[in-house]
C-alpha atoms as a PDB file:
ATOM      1  CA  MET A   1     -10.936  31.036 -32.072  1.00  0.00           C
ATOM      2  CA  ARG A   2     -13.188  29.629 -29.381  1.00  0.00           C
ATOM      3  CA  ILE A   3     -12.303  26.049 -30.441  1.00  0.00           C
ATOM      4  CA  LEU A   4      -8.600  26.861 -30.328  1.00  0.00           C
ATOM      5  CA  ILE A   5      -8.833  28.257 -26.785  1.00  0.00           C
ATOM      6  CA  THR A   6     -10.907  25.284 -25.660  1.00  0.00           C
ATOM      7  CA  SER A   7      -8.395  22.863 -27.183  1.00  0.00           C
ATOM      8  CA  ILE A   8      -5.454  24.567 -25.481  1.00  0.00           C
ATOM      9  CA  PHE A   9      -7.305  24.574 -22.159  1.00  0.00           C
ATOM     10  CA  LEU A  10      -8.053  20.843 -22.442  1.00  0.00           C
ATOM     11  CA  MET A  11      -4.440  20.045 -23.336  1.00  0.00           C
ATOM     12  CA  LEU A  12      -3.184  22.013 -20.344  1.00  0.00           C
ATOM     13  CA  LEU A  13      -5.714  20.372 -18.057  1.00  0.00           C
ATOM     14  CA  THR A  14      -4.687  16.917 -19.290  1.00  0.00           C
ATOM     15  CA  ALA A  15      -0.984  17.694 -18.870  1.00  0.00           C
ATOM     16  CA  PHE A  16      -1.618  19.034 -15.367  1.00  0.00           C
ATOM     17  CA  SER A  17      -3.574  15.945 -14.311  1.00  0.00           C
ATOM     18  CA  PHE A  18      -0.764  13.635 -15.466  1.00  0.00           C
ATOM     19  CA  ALA A  19       1.812  15.778 -13.668  1.00  0.00           C
ATOM     20  CA  GLN A  20      -0.196  15.511 -10.423  1.00  0.00           C
ATOM     21  CA  LYS A  21      -0.009  11.715 -10.238  1.00  0.00           C
ATOM     22  CA  THR A  22       0.215  10.399  -6.695  1.00  0.00           C
ATOM     23  CA  PRO A  23       3.678   9.064  -5.806  1.00  0.00           C
ATOM     24  CA  VAL A  24       3.694   5.347  -5.002  1.00  0.00           C
ATOM     25  CA  ASP A  25       4.960   3.995  -1.685  1.00  0.00           C
ATOM     26  CA  LYS A  26       8.637   3.050  -2.122  1.00  0.00           C
ATOM     27  CA  ARG A  27       8.001  -0.529  -0.951  1.00  0.00           C
ATOM     28  CA  ALA A  28       5.938  -1.163  -4.081  1.00  0.00           C
ATOM     29  CA  TYR A  29       9.090  -1.010  -6.206  1.00  0.00           C
ATOM     30  CA  ALA A  30       9.999  -4.482  -4.926  1.00  0.00           C
ATOM     31  CA  TYR A  31       6.920  -5.822  -6.743  1.00  0.00           C
ATOM     32  CA  TYR A  32       6.338  -3.448  -9.676  1.00  0.00           C
ATOM     33  CA  THR A  33       8.636  -1.922 -12.278  1.00  0.00           C
ATOM     34  CA  GLN A  34       8.798   1.828 -12.810  1.00  0.00           C
ATOM     35  CA  GLU A  35       7.092   1.303 -16.165  1.00  0.00           C
ATOM     36  CA  GLU A  36       4.204  -0.641 -14.598  1.00  0.00           C
ATOM     37  CA  ILE A  37       3.734   2.057 -11.976  1.00  0.00           C
ATOM     38  CA  SER A  38       3.819   4.862 -14.520  1.00  0.00           C
ATOM     39  CA  GLN A  39       1.036   3.149 -16.497  1.00  0.00           C
ATOM     40  CA  MET A  40      -1.234   2.664 -13.486  1.00  0.00           C
ATOM     41  CA  PRO A  41      -4.245   4.895 -13.029  1.00  0.00           C
ATOM     42  CA  ASN A  42      -4.043   7.198 -10.033  1.00  0.00           C
ATOM     43  CA  TYR A  43      -6.688   5.255  -8.071  1.00  0.00           C
ATOM     44  CA  LYS A  44      -4.600   2.046  -8.373  1.00  0.00           C
ATOM     45  CA  ILE A  45      -1.562   3.827  -6.921  1.00  0.00           C
ATOM     46  CA  LYS A  46      -3.734   5.104  -4.068  1.00  0.00           C
ATOM     47  CA  GLN A  47      -4.927   1.527  -3.447  1.00  0.00           C
ATOM     48  CA  ILE A  48      -1.327   0.280  -3.358  1.00  0.00           C
ATOM     49  CA  ASN A  49      -0.423   3.069  -0.944  1.00  0.00           C
ATOM     50  CA  PHE A  50      -3.377   2.122   1.246  1.00  0.00           C
ATOM     51  CA  LEU A  51      -2.153  -1.487   1.307  1.00  0.00           C
ATOM     52  CA  TYR A  52       1.310  -0.483   2.520  1.00  0.00           C
ATOM     53  CA  GLN A  53       0.311   2.338   4.827  1.00  0.00           C
ATOM     54  CA  HIS A  54      -3.130   1.581   6.282  1.00  0.00           C
ATOM     55  CA  SER A  55      -4.038  -2.098   5.844  1.00  0.00           C
ATOM     56  CA  PHE A  56      -2.724  -3.084   9.265  1.00  0.00           C
ATOM     57  CA  VAL A  57      -2.915  -1.892  12.843  1.00  0.00           C
ATOM     58  CA  ILE A  58       0.012  -1.695  15.242  1.00  0.00           C
ATOM     59  CA  PRO A  59      -1.113  -2.468  18.811  1.00  0.00           C
ATOM     60  CA  ASP A  60      -0.567   0.331  21.314  1.00  0.00           C
ATOM     61  CA  LYS A  61       2.051  -1.664  23.231  1.00  0.00           C
ATOM     62  CA  PHE A  62       4.264  -1.788  20.109  1.00  0.00           C
ATOM     63  CA  LYS A  63       3.825   1.810  18.967  1.00  0.00           C
ATOM     64  CA  GLY A  64       7.242   3.432  18.998  1.00  0.00           C
ATOM     65  CA  GLN A  65       8.875   0.005  18.716  1.00  0.00           C
ATOM     66  CA  ILE A  66       7.527  -0.935  15.286  1.00  0.00           C
ATOM     67  CA  ASN A  67       8.189   1.445  12.422  1.00  0.00           C
ATOM     68  CA  PRO A  68       5.221   1.060  10.044  1.00  0.00           C
ATOM     69  CA  ASN A  69       7.471   2.083   7.138  1.00  0.00           C
ATOM     70  CA  ASP A  70       9.619  -1.004   7.712  1.00  0.00           C
ATOM     71  CA  ILE A  71       6.762  -3.473   7.292  1.00  0.00           C
ATOM     72  CA  ASP A  72       6.603  -5.233   3.939  1.00  0.00           C
ATOM     73  CA  ILE A  73       2.915  -6.043   4.160  1.00  0.00           C
ATOM     74  CA  ARG A  74       3.130  -8.366   1.165  1.00  0.00           C
ATOM     75  CA  LEU A  75       4.952 -10.873   3.384  1.00  0.00           C
ATOM     76  CA  TYR A  76       1.842 -11.135   5.551  1.00  0.00           C
ATOM     77  CA  SER A  77      -1.137 -10.458   3.263  1.00  0.00           C
ATOM     78  CA  LYS A  78      -1.764 -14.140   2.552  1.00  0.00           C
ATOM     79  CA  GLN A  79      -2.741 -14.487   6.198  1.00  0.00           C
ATOM     80  CA  ARG A  80      -5.672 -12.061   5.900  1.00  0.00           C
ATOM     81  CA  LEU A  81      -9.009 -13.453   6.988  1.00  0.00           C
ATOM     82  CA  ALA A  82     -12.264 -12.863   5.123  1.00  0.00           C
ATOM     83  CA  HIS A  83     -14.353 -11.161   7.819  1.00  0.00           C
ATOM     84  CA  GLN A  84     -12.114 -10.526  10.800  1.00  0.00           C
ATOM     85  CA  ARG A  85      -8.707  -9.084  11.526  1.00  0.00           C
ATOM     86  CA  ALA A  86      -5.785 -11.472  11.716  1.00  0.00           C
ATOM     87  CA  LYS A  87      -3.014 -11.280  14.284  1.00  0.00           C
ATOM     88  CA  VAL A  88       0.364 -11.912  12.629  1.00  0.00           C
ATOM     89  CA  TYR A  89       3.790 -11.997  14.201  1.00  0.00           C
ATOM     90  CA  LEU A  90       6.499  -9.943  12.538  1.00  0.00           C
ATOM     91  CA  LYS A  91       9.497 -11.711  11.089  1.00  0.00           C
ATOM     92  CA  LYS A  92      13.064 -10.624  11.696  1.00  0.00           C
ATOM     93  CA  THR A  93      14.688  -8.887   8.775  1.00  0.00           C
ATOM     94  CA  SER A  94      17.541 -11.372   8.566  1.00  0.00           C
ATOM     95  CA  THR A  95      16.653 -15.010   8.049  1.00  0.00           C
ATOM     96  CA  MET A  96      17.534 -17.508  10.742  1.00  0.00           C
ATOM     97  CA  LYS A  97      18.197 -21.212  10.318  1.00  0.00           C
ATOM     98  CA  LYS A  98      15.376 -22.226  12.620  1.00  0.00           C
ATOM     99  CA  GLU A  99      11.909 -21.037  11.613  1.00  0.00           C
ATOM    100  CA  ARG A 100      10.826 -20.564  15.232  1.00  0.00           C
ATOM    101  CA  ASP A 101      13.735 -18.148  15.757  1.00  0.00           C
ATOM    102  CA  ASN A 102      12.683 -16.019  12.801  1.00  0.00           C
ATOM    103  CA  PHE A 103       9.998 -14.026  14.665  1.00  0.00           C
ATOM    104  CA  THR A 104      10.408 -10.917  16.825  1.00  0.00           C
ATOM    105  CA  GLY A 105       7.547 -11.522  19.271  1.00  0.00           C
ATOM    106  CA  GLN A 106       5.939  -8.313  18.015  1.00  0.00           C
ATOM    107  CA  PHE A 107       2.720  -8.516  16.064  1.00  0.00           C
ATOM    108  CA  ILE A 108       0.273  -6.477  14.028  1.00  0.00           C
ATOM    109  CA  TYR A 109      -3.357  -6.929  13.076  1.00  0.00           C
ATOM    110  CA  LEU A 110      -4.196  -7.170   9.384  1.00  0.00           C
ATOM    111  CA  LEU A 111      -7.433  -5.612   8.204  1.00  0.00           C
ATOM    112  CA  SER A 112      -9.821  -8.275   6.934  1.00  0.00           C
ATOM    113  CA  ILE A 113     -10.247  -8.905   3.215  1.00  0.00           C
ATOM    114  CA  GLU A 114     -13.704  -7.392   3.534  1.00  0.00           C
ATOM    115  CA  GLU A 115     -12.321  -4.184   5.106  1.00  0.00           C
ATOM    116  CA  LEU A 116      -9.592  -3.999   2.470  1.00  0.00           C
ATOM    117  CA  GLN A 117     -12.039  -4.409  -0.418  1.00  0.00           C
ATOM    118  CA  GLU A 118     -14.318  -1.739   1.062  1.00  0.00           C
ATOM    119  CA  ALA A 119     -11.404   0.663   1.336  1.00  0.00           C
ATOM    120  CA  TYR A 120     -10.381  -0.067  -2.265  1.00  0.00           C
ATOM    121  CA  GLU A 121     -13.916   0.638  -3.453  1.00  0.00           C
ATOM    122  CA  ASN A 122     -13.950   3.954  -1.591  1.00  0.00           C
ATOM    123  CA  ILE A 123     -10.695   4.939  -3.288  1.00  0.00           C
ATOM    124  CA  LYS A 124     -12.089   4.402  -6.816  1.00  0.00           C
END
């Protein structure tokens, strides 16, 4: 009887932990399929969410002008620097014929690769 109760408790606990999976930031769906996301461990989803939500800083002068939820950070992540924050100018959402006309004049600061890796380690 004791084994049966323990088994039921463990099954319920397992089912509950899967049901409590962290939802992924909607921007990740441009890069991952629903199946890939559903197979990710919870810490990986939290790391992805950190990337989209906290891996950059909006300067005070642009707060209220830049919606952080509109930033596709993957467009800028290649510009991250190893040990210092990188200033990157935001692109317009529609593409222009001239590359120099494709920027808004607004910018953000990307956390360094080092800061990003540290945050990922803390999430694990």
